[in-house]
PDB file of all heavy atoms in Angstrom:
ATOM      1  N   VAL A   1      26.009 244.312 -73.084  1.00  0.00           N
ATOM      2  CA  VAL A   1      26.855 244.177 -71.893  1.00  0.00           C
ATOM      3  C   VAL A   1      27.934 243.126 -72.136  1.00  0.00           C
ATOM      4  O   VAL A   1      29.102 243.322 -71.784  1.00  0.00           O
ATOM      5  CB  VAL A   1      26.013 243.834 -70.645  1.00  0.00           C
ATOM      6  CG1 VAL A   1      26.883 243.418 -69.483  1.00  0.00           C
ATOM      7  CG2 VAL A   1      25.151 245.028 -70.263  1.00  0.00           C
ATOM      8  N   LEU A   2      27.546 242.018 -72.755  1.00  0.00           N
ATOM      9  CA  LEU A   2      28.516 240.972 -73.062  1.00  0.00           C
ATOM     10  C   LEU A   2      29.594 241.478 -74.023  1.00  0.00           C
ATOM     11  O   LEU A   2      30.784 241.223 -73.830  1.00  0.00           O
ATOM     12  CB  LEU A   2      27.801 239.762 -73.661  1.00  0.00           C
ATOM     13  CG  LEU A   2      28.617 238.494 -73.847  1.00  0.00           C
ATOM     14  CD1 LEU A   2      29.112 237.978 -72.516  1.00  0.00           C
ATOM     15  CD2 LEU A   2      27.775 237.447 -74.545  1.00  0.00           C
ATOM     16  N   GLY A   3      29.190 242.204 -75.043  1.00  0.00           N
ATOM     17  CA  GLY A   3      30.146 242.756 -76.002  1.00  0.00           C
ATOM     18  C   GLY A   3      31.089 243.765 -75.355  1.00  0.00           C
ATOM     19  O   GLY A   3      32.298 243.754 -75.643  1.00  0.00           O
ATOM     20  N   GLN A   4      30.564 244.614 -74.497  1.00  0.00           N
ATOM     21  CA  GLN A   4      31.422 245.589 -73.809  1.00  0.00           C
ATOM     22  C   GLN A   4      32.396 244.903 -72.864  1.00  0.00           C
ATOM     23  O   GLN A   4      33.553 245.333 -72.730  1.00  0.00           O
ATOM     24  CB  GLN A   4      30.564 246.613 -73.051  1.00  0.00           C
ATOM     25  CG  GLN A   4      29.718 247.473 -73.955  1.00  0.00           C
ATOM     26  CD  GLN A   4      30.498 248.177 -75.032  1.00  0.00           C
ATOM     27  OE1 GLN A   4      31.570 248.732 -74.790  1.00  0.00           O
ATOM     28  NE2 GLN A   4      29.975 248.139 -76.243  1.00  0.00           N
ATOM     29  N   ALA A   5      31.956 243.823 -72.230  1.00  0.00           N
ATOM     30  CA  ALA A   5      32.876 243.071 -71.356  1.00  0.00           C
ATOM     31  C   ALA A   5      34.003 242.445 -72.184  1.00  0.00           C
ATOM     32  O   ALA A   5      35.162 242.456 -71.761  1.00  0.00           O
ATOM     33  CB  ALA A   5      32.106 241.991 -70.606  1.00  0.00           C
ATOM     34  N   ALA A   6      33.662 241.933 -73.356  1.00  0.00           N
ATOM     35  CA  ALA A   6      34.692 241.344 -74.218  1.00  0.00           C
ATOM     36  C   ALA A   6      35.688 242.397 -74.691  1.00  0.00           C
ATOM     37  O   ALA A   6      36.902 242.170 -74.684  1.00  0.00           O
ATOM     38  CB  ALA A   6      34.039 240.657 -75.419  1.00  0.00           C
ATOM     39  N   VAL A   7      35.188 243.563 -75.107  1.00  0.00           N
ATOM     40  CA  VAL A   7      36.068 244.634 -75.550  1.00  0.00           C
ATOM     41  C   VAL A   7      36.970 245.098 -74.408  1.00  0.00           C
ATOM     42  O   VAL A   7      38.160 245.342 -74.590  1.00  0.00           O
ATOM     43  CB  VAL A   7      35.256 245.817 -76.136  1.00  0.00           C
ATOM     44  CG1 VAL A   7      36.123 247.025 -76.362  1.00  0.00           C
ATOM     45  CG2 VAL A   7      34.583 245.401 -77.433  1.00  0.00           C
ATOM     46  N   LEU A   8      36.390 245.202 -73.224  1.00  0.00           N
ATOM     47  CA  LEU A   8      37.193 245.597 -72.061  1.00  0.00           C
ATOM     48  C   LEU A   8      38.282 244.556 -71.780  1.00  0.00           C
ATOM     49  O   LEU A   8      39.444 244.931 -71.511  1.00  0.00           O
ATOM     50  CB  LEU A   8      36.308 245.764 -70.822  1.00  0.00           C
ATOM     51  CG  LEU A   8      37.012 246.150 -69.538  1.00  0.00           C
ATOM     52  CD1 LEU A   8      37.700 247.506 -69.672  1.00  0.00           C
ATOM     53  CD2 LEU A   8      36.030 246.168 -68.380  1.00  0.00           C
ATOM     54  N   ALA A   9      37.945 243.283 -71.886  1.00  0.00           N
ATOM     55  CA  ALA A   9      38.947 242.238 -71.650  1.00  0.00           C
ATOM     56  C   ALA A   9      40.074 242.329 -72.667  1.00  0.00           C
ATOM     57  O   ALA A   9      41.261 242.247 -72.306  1.00  0.00           O
ATOM     58  CB  ALA A   9      38.274 240.859 -71.711  1.00  0.00           C
ATOM     59  N   PHE A  10      39.725 242.512 -73.952  1.00  0.00           N
ATOM     60  CA  PHE A  10      40.755 242.621 -74.973  1.00  0.00           C
ATOM     61  C   PHE A  10      41.608 243.881 -74.790  1.00  0.00           C
ATOM     62  O   PHE A  10      42.823 243.840 -74.986  1.00  0.00           O
ATOM     63  CB  PHE A  10      40.146 242.622 -76.377  1.00  0.00           C
ATOM     64  CG  PHE A  10      39.818 241.251 -76.885  1.00  0.00           C
ATOM     65  CD1 PHE A  10      38.508 240.884 -77.120  1.00  0.00           C
ATOM     66  CD2 PHE A  10      40.828 240.326 -77.135  1.00  0.00           C
ATOM     67  CE1 PHE A  10      38.193 239.614 -77.585  1.00  0.00           C
ATOM     68  CE2 PHE A  10      40.529 239.057 -77.604  1.00  0.00           C
ATOM     69  CZ  PHE A  10      39.202 238.704 -77.835  1.00  0.00           C
ATOM     70  N   SER A  11      40.970 244.981 -74.411  1.00  0.00           N
ATOM     71  CA  SER A  11      41.741 246.204 -74.256  1.00  0.00           C
ATOM     72  C   SER A  11      42.675 246.121 -73.048  1.00  0.00           C
ATOM     73  O   SER A  11      43.826 246.575 -73.122  1.00  0.00           O
ATOM     74  CB  SER A  11      40.817 247.413 -74.150  1.00  0.00           C
ATOM     75  OG  SER A  11      40.024 247.357 -72.992  1.00  0.00           O
ATOM     76  N   LEU A  12      42.206 245.529 -71.966  1.00  0.00           N
ATOM     77  CA  LEU A  12      43.084 245.385 -70.792  1.00  0.00           C
ATOM     78  C   LEU A  12      44.229 244.419 -71.079  1.00  0.00           C
ATOM     79  O   LEU A  12      45.362 244.632 -70.633  1.00  0.00           O
ATOM     80  CB  LEU A  12      42.282 244.941 -69.569  1.00  0.00           C
ATOM     81  CG  LEU A  12      41.292 245.979 -69.020  1.00  0.00           C
ATOM     82  CD1 LEU A  12      40.480 245.383 -67.883  1.00  0.00           C
ATOM     83  CD2 LEU A  12      42.010 247.239 -68.579  1.00  0.00           C
ATOM     84  N   THR A  13      43.927 243.355 -71.825  1.00  0.00           N
ATOM     85  CA  THR A  13      44.988 242.423 -72.220  1.00  0.00           C
ATOM     86  C   THR A  13      45.999 243.109 -73.124  1.00  0.00           C
ATOM     87  O   THR A  13      47.208 242.900 -73.009  1.00  0.00           O
ATOM     88  CB  THR A  13      44.377 241.199 -72.927  1.00  0.00           C
ATOM     89  OG1 THR A  13      43.407 240.610 -72.070  1.00  0.00           O
ATOM     90  CG2 THR A  13      45.430 240.180 -73.248  1.00  0.00           C
ATOM     91  N   SER A  14      45.510 243.948 -74.041  1.00  0.00           N
ATOM     92  CA  SER A  14      46.412 244.706 -74.922  1.00  0.00           C
ATOM     93  C   SER A  14      47.315 245.625 -74.116  1.00  0.00           C
ATOM     94  O   SER A  14      48.514 245.757 -74.410  1.00  0.00           O
ATOM     95  CB  SER A  14      45.610 245.516 -75.935  1.00  0.00           C
ATOM     96  OG  SER A  14      44.885 244.662 -76.789  1.00  0.00           O
ATOM     97  N   LEU A  15      46.733 246.277 -73.119  1.00  0.00           N
ATOM     98  CA  LEU A  15      47.546 247.155 -72.262  1.00  0.00           C
ATOM     99  C   LEU A  15      48.563 246.356 -71.463  1.00  0.00           C
ATOM    100  O   LEU A  15      49.714 246.786 -71.309  1.00  0.00           O
ATOM    101  CB  LEU A  15      46.643 247.946 -71.312  1.00  0.00           C
ATOM    102  CG  LEU A  15      45.877 249.109 -71.932  1.00  0.00           C
ATOM    103  CD1 LEU A  15      44.855 249.650 -70.930  1.00  0.00           C
ATOM    104  CD2 LEU A  15      46.839 250.212 -72.361  1.00  0.00           C
ATOM    105  N   ALA A  16      48.172 245.214 -70.935  1.00  0.00           N
ATOM    106  CA  ALA A  16      49.085 244.423 -70.107  1.00  0.00           C
ATOM    107  C   ALA A  16      50.225 243.829 -70.915  1.00  0.00           C
ATOM    108  O   ALA A  16      51.368 243.812 -70.463  1.00  0.00           O
ATOM    109  CB  ALA A  16      48.302 243.309 -69.415  1.00  0.00           C
ATOM    110  N   GLN A  17      49.907 243.365 -72.134  1.00  0.00           N
ATOM    111  CA  GLN A  17      50.935 242.705 -72.934  1.00  0.00           C
ATOM    112  C   GLN A  17      51.606 243.630 -73.926  1.00  0.00           C
ATOM    113  O   GLN A  17      52.546 243.225 -74.615  1.00  0.00           O
ATOM    114  CB  GLN A  17      50.322 241.503 -73.673  1.00  0.00           C
ATOM    115  CG  GLN A  17      49.834 240.445 -72.714  1.00  0.00           C
ATOM    116  CD  GLN A  17      49.250 239.255 -73.446  1.00  0.00           C
ATOM    117  OE1 GLN A  17      49.154 239.243 -74.661  1.00  0.00           O
ATOM    118  NE2 GLN A  17      48.848 238.261 -72.691  1.00  0.00           N
ATOM    119  N   GLN A  18      51.134 244.845 -74.026  1.00  0.00           N
ATOM    120  CA  GLN A  18      51.658 245.852 -74.958  1.00  0.00           C
ATOM    121  C   GLN A  18      51.686 245.347 -76.397  1.00  0.00           C
ATOM    122  O   GLN A  18      52.661 245.544 -77.142  1.00  0.00           O
ATOM    123  CB  GLN A  18      53.039 246.341 -74.504  1.00  0.00           C
ATOM    124  CG  GLN A  18      52.979 247.050 -73.177  1.00  0.00           C
ATOM    125  CD  GLN A  18      54.319 247.629 -72.772  1.00  0.00           C
ATOM    126  OE1 GLN A  18      55.341 247.337 -73.361  1.00  0.00           O
ATOM    127  NE2 GLN A  18      54.297 248.476 -71.757  1.00  0.00           N
ATOM    128  N   VAL A  19      50.605 244.684 -76.756  1.00  0.00           N
ATOM    129  CA  VAL A  19      50.409 244.164 -78.106  1.00  0.00           C
ATOM    130  C   VAL A  19      48.924 244.342 -78.424  1.00  0.00           C
ATOM    131  O   VAL A  19      48.075 244.165 -77.551  1.00  0.00           O
ATOM    132  CB  VAL A  19      50.769 242.662 -78.192  1.00  0.00           C
ATOM    133  CG1 VAL A  19      50.435 242.080 -79.547  1.00  0.00           C
ATOM    134  CG2 VAL A  19      52.222 242.440 -77.866  1.00  0.00           C
ATOM    135  N   ASN A  20      48.602 244.682 -79.675  1.00  0.00           N
ATOM    136  CA  ASN A  20      47.205 244.794 -80.066  1.00  0.00           C
ATOM    137  C   ASN A  20      46.578 243.408 -80.101  1.00  0.00           C
ATOM    138  O   ASN A  20      46.866 242.605 -80.985  1.00  0.00           O
ATOM    139  CB  ASN A  20      47.070 245.449 -81.450  1.00  0.00           C
ATOM    140  CG  ASN A  20      47.498 246.891 -81.425  1.00  0.00           C
ATOM    141  OD1 ASN A  20      47.419 247.552 -80.395  1.00  0.00           O
ATOM    142  ND2 ASN A  20      47.954 247.385 -82.558  1.00  0.00           N
ATOM    143  N   GLU A  21      45.734 243.102 -79.136  1.00  0.00           N
ATOM    144  CA  GLU A  21      45.110 241.779 -79.035  1.00  0.00           C
ATOM    145  C   GLU A  21      43.880 241.653 -79.927  1.00  0.00           C
ATOM    146  O   GLU A  21      43.397 240.563 -80.149  1.00  0.00           O
ATOM    147  CB  GLU A  21      44.700 241.484 -77.588  1.00  0.00           C
ATOM    148  CG  GLU A  21      45.857 241.263 -76.661  1.00  0.00           C
ATOM    149  CD  GLU A  21      46.615 239.982 -76.957  1.00  0.00           C
ATOM    150  OE1 GLU A  21      45.983 239.001 -77.410  1.00  0.00           O
ATOM    151  OE2 GLU A  21      47.840 239.970 -76.763  1.00  0.00           O
ATOM    152  N   MET A  22      43.386 242.771 -80.429  1.00  0.00           N
ATOM    153  CA  MET A  22      42.259 242.752 -81.348  1.00  0.00           C
ATOM    154  C   MET A  22      42.469 243.882 -82.357  1.00  0.00           C
ATOM    155  O   MET A  22      43.119 244.873 -82.036  1.00  0.00           O
ATOM    156  CB  MET A  22      40.929 242.864 -80.583  1.00  0.00           C
ATOM    157  CG  MET A  22      40.256 244.191 -80.511  1.00  0.00           C
ATOM    158  SD  MET A  22      38.816 244.274 -79.398  1.00  0.00           S
ATOM    159  CE  MET A  22      37.546 243.510 -80.305  1.00  0.00           C
ATOM    160  N   PRO A  23      41.948 243.742 -83.545  1.00  0.00           N
ATOM    161  CA  PRO A  23      42.126 244.808 -84.538  1.00  0.00           C
ATOM    162  C   PRO A  23      41.497 246.119 -84.042  1.00  0.00           C
ATOM    163  O   PRO A  23      40.422 246.110 -83.419  1.00  0.00           O
ATOM    164  CB  PRO A  23      41.399 244.290 -85.770  1.00  0.00           C
ATOM    165  CG  PRO A  23      41.324 242.815 -85.593  1.00  0.00           C
ATOM    166  CD  PRO A  23      41.284 242.570 -84.118  1.00  0.00           C
ATOM    167  N   LEU A  24      42.152 247.225 -84.319  1.00  0.00           N
ATOM    168  CA  LEU A  24      41.662 248.522 -83.856  1.00  0.00           C
ATOM    169  C   LEU A  24      40.285 248.820 -84.428  1.00  0.00           C
ATOM    170  O   LEU A  24      39.420 249.364 -83.735  1.00  0.00           O
ATOM    171  CB  LEU A  24      42.658 249.619 -84.224  1.00  0.00           C
ATOM    172  CG  LEU A  24      44.079 249.463 -83.688  1.00  0.00           C
ATOM    173  CD1 LEU A  24      44.943 250.648 -84.111  1.00  0.00           C
ATOM    174  CD2 LEU A  24      44.091 249.313 -82.197  1.00  0.00           C
ATOM    175  N   ALA A  25      40.104 248.486 -85.711  1.00  0.00           N
ATOM    176  CA  ALA A  25      38.809 248.758 -86.352  1.00  0.00           C
ATOM    177  C   ALA A  25      37.689 247.976 -85.667  1.00  0.00           C
ATOM    178  O   ALA A  25      36.566 248.476 -85.516  1.00  0.00           O
ATOM    179  CB  ALA A  25      38.875 248.419 -87.826  1.00  0.00           C
ATOM    180  N   LEU A  26      37.963 246.766 -85.218  1.00  0.00           N
ATOM    181  CA  LEU A  26      36.961 245.964 -84.523  1.00  0.00           C
ATOM    182  C   LEU A  26      36.608 246.573 -83.165  1.00  0.00           C
ATOM    183  O   LEU A  26      35.441 246.588 -82.756  1.00  0.00           O
ATOM    184  CB  LEU A  26      37.462 244.531 -84.363  1.00  0.00           C
ATOM    185  CG  LEU A  26      36.480 243.539 -83.748  1.00  0.00           C
ATOM    186  CD1 LEU A  26      35.205 243.446 -84.573  1.00  0.00           C
ATOM    187  CD2 LEU A  26      37.132 242.173 -83.630  1.00  0.00           C
ATOM    188  N   ALA A  27      37.605 247.081 -82.480  1.00  0.00           N
ATOM    189  CA  ALA A  27      37.354 247.744 -81.204  1.00  0.00           C
ATOM    190  C   ALA A  27      36.498 248.992 -81.381  1.00  0.00           C
ATOM    191  O   ALA A  27      35.571 249.238 -80.609  1.00  0.00           O
ATOM    192  CB  ALA A  27      38.670 248.096 -80.519  1.00  0.00           C
ATOM    193  N   ILE A  28      36.810 249.758 -82.415  1.00  0.00           N
ATOM    194  CA  ILE A  28      36.007 250.959 -82.696  1.00  0.00           C
ATOM    195  C   ILE A  28      34.581 250.563 -83.058  1.00  0.00           C
ATOM    196  O   ILE A  28      33.614 251.154 -82.554  1.00  0.00           O
ATOM    197  CB  ILE A  28      36.657 251.781 -83.836  1.00  0.00           C
ATOM    198  CG1 ILE A  28      37.989 252.349 -83.365  1.00  0.00           C
ATOM    199  CG2 ILE A  28      35.723 252.879 -84.315  1.00  0.00           C
ATOM    200  CD1 ILE A  28      38.819 252.947 -84.476  1.00  0.00           C
ATOM    201  N   ALA A  29      34.437 249.550 -83.893  1.00  0.00           N
ATOM    202  CA  ALA A  29      33.101 249.090 -84.295  1.00  0.00           C
ATOM    203  C   ALA A  29      32.303 248.575 -83.089  1.00  0.00           C
ATOM    204  O   ALA A  29      31.097 248.804 -82.988  1.00  0.00           O
ATOM    205  CB  ALA A  29      33.214 248.008 -85.353  1.00  0.00           C
ATOM    206  N   ALA A  30      32.975 247.905 -82.169  1.00  0.00           N
ATOM    207  CA  ALA A  30      32.288 247.381 -80.987  1.00  0.00           C
ATOM    208  C   ALA A  30      31.800 248.517 -80.085  1.00  0.00           C
ATOM    209  O   ALA A  30      30.690 248.452 -79.541  1.00  0.00           O
ATOM    210  CB  ALA A  30      33.213 246.447 -80.204  1.00  0.00           C
ATOM    211  N   GLU A  31      32.606 249.549 -79.927  1.00  0.00           N
ATOM    212  CA  GLU A  31      32.190 250.675 -79.087  1.00  0.00           C
ATOM    213  C   GLU A  31      31.057 251.473 -79.732  1.00  0.00           C
ATOM    214  O   GLU A  31      30.077 251.801 -79.063  1.00  0.00           O
ATOM    215  CB  GLU A  31      33.387 251.586 -78.783  1.00  0.00           C
ATOM    216  CG  GLU A  31      34.468 250.920 -77.962  1.00  0.00           C
ATOM    217  CD  GLU A  31      33.940 250.394 -76.643  1.00  0.00           C
ATOM    218  OE1 GLU A  31      33.472 251.190 -75.820  1.00  0.00           O
ATOM    219  OE2 GLU A  31      33.994 249.169 -76.447  1.00  0.00           O
ATOM    220  N   VAL A  32      31.190 251.770 -80.998  1.00  0.00           N
ATOM    221  CA  VAL A  32      30.127 252.516 -81.707  1.00  0.00           C
ATOM    222  C   VAL A  32      28.882 251.637 -81.796  1.00  0.00           C
ATOM    223  O   VAL A  32      27.753 252.107 -81.600  1.00  0.00           O
ATOM    224  CB  VAL A  32      30.600 252.964 -83.101  1.00  0.00           C
ATOM    225  CG1 VAL A  32      29.459 253.572 -83.901  1.00  0.00           C
ATOM    226  CG2 VAL A  32      31.739 253.976 -82.957  1.00  0.00           C
ATOM    227  N   GLY A  33      29.063 250.352 -82.078  1.00  0.00           N
ATOM    228  CA  GLY A  33      27.929 249.424 -82.114  1.00  0.00           C
ATOM    229  C   GLY A  33      27.231 249.324 -80.771  1.00  0.00           C
ATOM    230  O   GLY A  33      26.005 249.147 -80.714  1.00  0.00           O
ATOM    231  N   GLY A  34      27.988 249.416 -79.704  1.00  0.00           N
ATOM    232  CA  GLY A  34      27.371 249.397 -78.374  1.00  0.00           C
ATOM    233  C   GLY A  34      26.458 250.589 -78.150  1.00  0.00           C
ATOM    234  O   GLY A  34      25.368 250.457 -77.562  1.00  0.00           O
ATOM    235  N   LEU A  35      26.880 251.759 -78.631  1.00  0.00           N
ATOM    236  CA  LEU A  35      26.024 252.932 -78.506  1.00  0.00           C
ATOM    237  C   LEU A  35      24.771 252.811 -79.374  1.00  0.00           C
ATOM    238  O   LEU A  35      23.671 253.175 -78.958  1.00  0.00           O
ATOM    239  CB  LEU A  35      26.806 254.189 -78.870  1.00  0.00           C
ATOM    240  CG  LEU A  35      27.928 254.562 -77.907  1.00  0.00           C
ATOM    241  CD1 LEU A  35      28.731 255.734 -78.451  1.00  0.00           C
ATOM    242  CD2 LEU A  35      27.363 254.898 -76.538  1.00  0.00           C
ATOM    243  N   VAL A  36      24.946 252.282 -80.577  1.00  0.00           N
ATOM    244  CA  VAL A  36      23.799 252.096 -81.478  1.00  0.00           C
ATOM    245  C   VAL A  36      22.844 251.038 -80.890  1.00  0.00           C
ATOM    246  O   VAL A  36      21.624 251.204 -80.940  1.00  0.00           O
ATOM    247  CB  VAL A  36      24.278 251.698 -82.892  1.00  0.00           C
ATOM    248  CG1 VAL A  36      23.119 251.302 -83.779  1.00  0.00           C
ATOM    249  CG2 VAL A  36      25.055 252.850 -83.515  1.00  0.00           C
ATOM    250  N   ALA A  37      23.383 249.967 -80.323  1.00  0.00           N
ATOM    251  CA  ALA A  37      22.546 248.942 -79.707  1.00  0.00           C
ATOM    252  C   ALA A  37      21.792 249.495 -78.507  1.00  0.00           C
ATOM    253  O   ALA A  37      20.635 249.132 -78.261  1.00  0.00           O
ATOM    254  CB  ALA A  37      23.394 247.749 -79.279  1.00  0.00           C
ATOM    255  N   LEU A  38      22.413 250.390 -77.766  1.00  0.00           N
ATOM    256  CA  LEU A  38      21.735 251.040 -76.636  1.00  0.00           C
ATOM    257  C   LEU A  38      20.558 251.861 -77.129  1.00  0.00           C
ATOM    258  O   LEU A  38      19.462 251.807 -76.561  1.00  0.00           O
ATOM    259  CB  LEU A  38      22.727 251.931 -75.866  1.00  0.00           C
ATOM    260  CG  LEU A  38      22.200 252.654 -74.641  1.00  0.00           C
ATOM    261  CD1 LEU A  38      21.679 251.673 -73.613  1.00  0.00           C
ATOM    262  CD2 LEU A  38      23.302 253.519 -74.052  1.00  0.00           C
ATOM    263  N   LEU A  39      20.739 252.572 -78.211  1.00  0.00           N
ATOM    264  CA  LEU A  39      19.645 253.343 -78.810  1.00  0.00           C
ATOM    265  C   LEU A  39      18.541 252.400 -79.315  1.00  0.00           C
ATOM    266  O   LEU A  39      17.355 252.645 -79.100  1.00  0.00           O
ATOM    267  CB  LEU A  39      20.187 254.194 -79.967  1.00  0.00           C
ATOM    268  CG  LEU A  39      19.180 255.050 -80.701  1.00  0.00           C
ATOM    269  CD1 LEU A  39      18.591 256.107 -79.781  1.00  0.00           C
ATOM    270  CD2 LEU A  39      19.833 255.710 -81.899  1.00  0.00           C
ATOM    271  N   GLY A  40      18.914 251.315 -79.974  1.00  0.00           N
ATOM    272  CA  GLY A  40      17.942 250.356 -80.470  1.00  0.00           C
ATOM    273  C   GLY A  40      17.152 249.680 -79.359  1.00  0.00           C
ATOM    274  O   GLY A  40      15.946 249.479 -79.479  1.00  0.00           O
ATOM    275  N   ALA A  41      17.823 249.347 -78.273  1.00  0.00           N
ATOM    276  CA  ALA A  41      17.138 248.721 -77.140  1.00  0.00           C
ATOM    277  C   ALA A  41      16.158 249.697 -76.507  1.00  0.00           C
ATOM    278  O   ALA A  41      15.060 249.307 -76.095  1.00  0.00           O
ATOM    279  CB  ALA A  41      18.153 248.236 -76.104  1.00  0.00           C
ATOM    280  N   GLY A  42      16.531 250.963 -76.446  1.00  0.00           N
ATOM    281  CA  GLY A  42      15.611 251.972 -75.918  1.00  0.00           C
ATOM    282  C   GLY A  42      14.376 252.131 -76.791  1.00  0.00           C
ATOM    283  O   GLY A  42      13.263 252.250 -76.297  1.00  0.00           O
TER     284      GLY A  42
END
């Protein structure tokens, strides 16, 4: 949940400022990692 909140904050900041605030690969890894972590927690 903390990781998804951070990714959401960076993505909204990127949209607001029209600049990539975090590397795209890191954002992809965070989203895919979130799904894997959900599976692991289950």
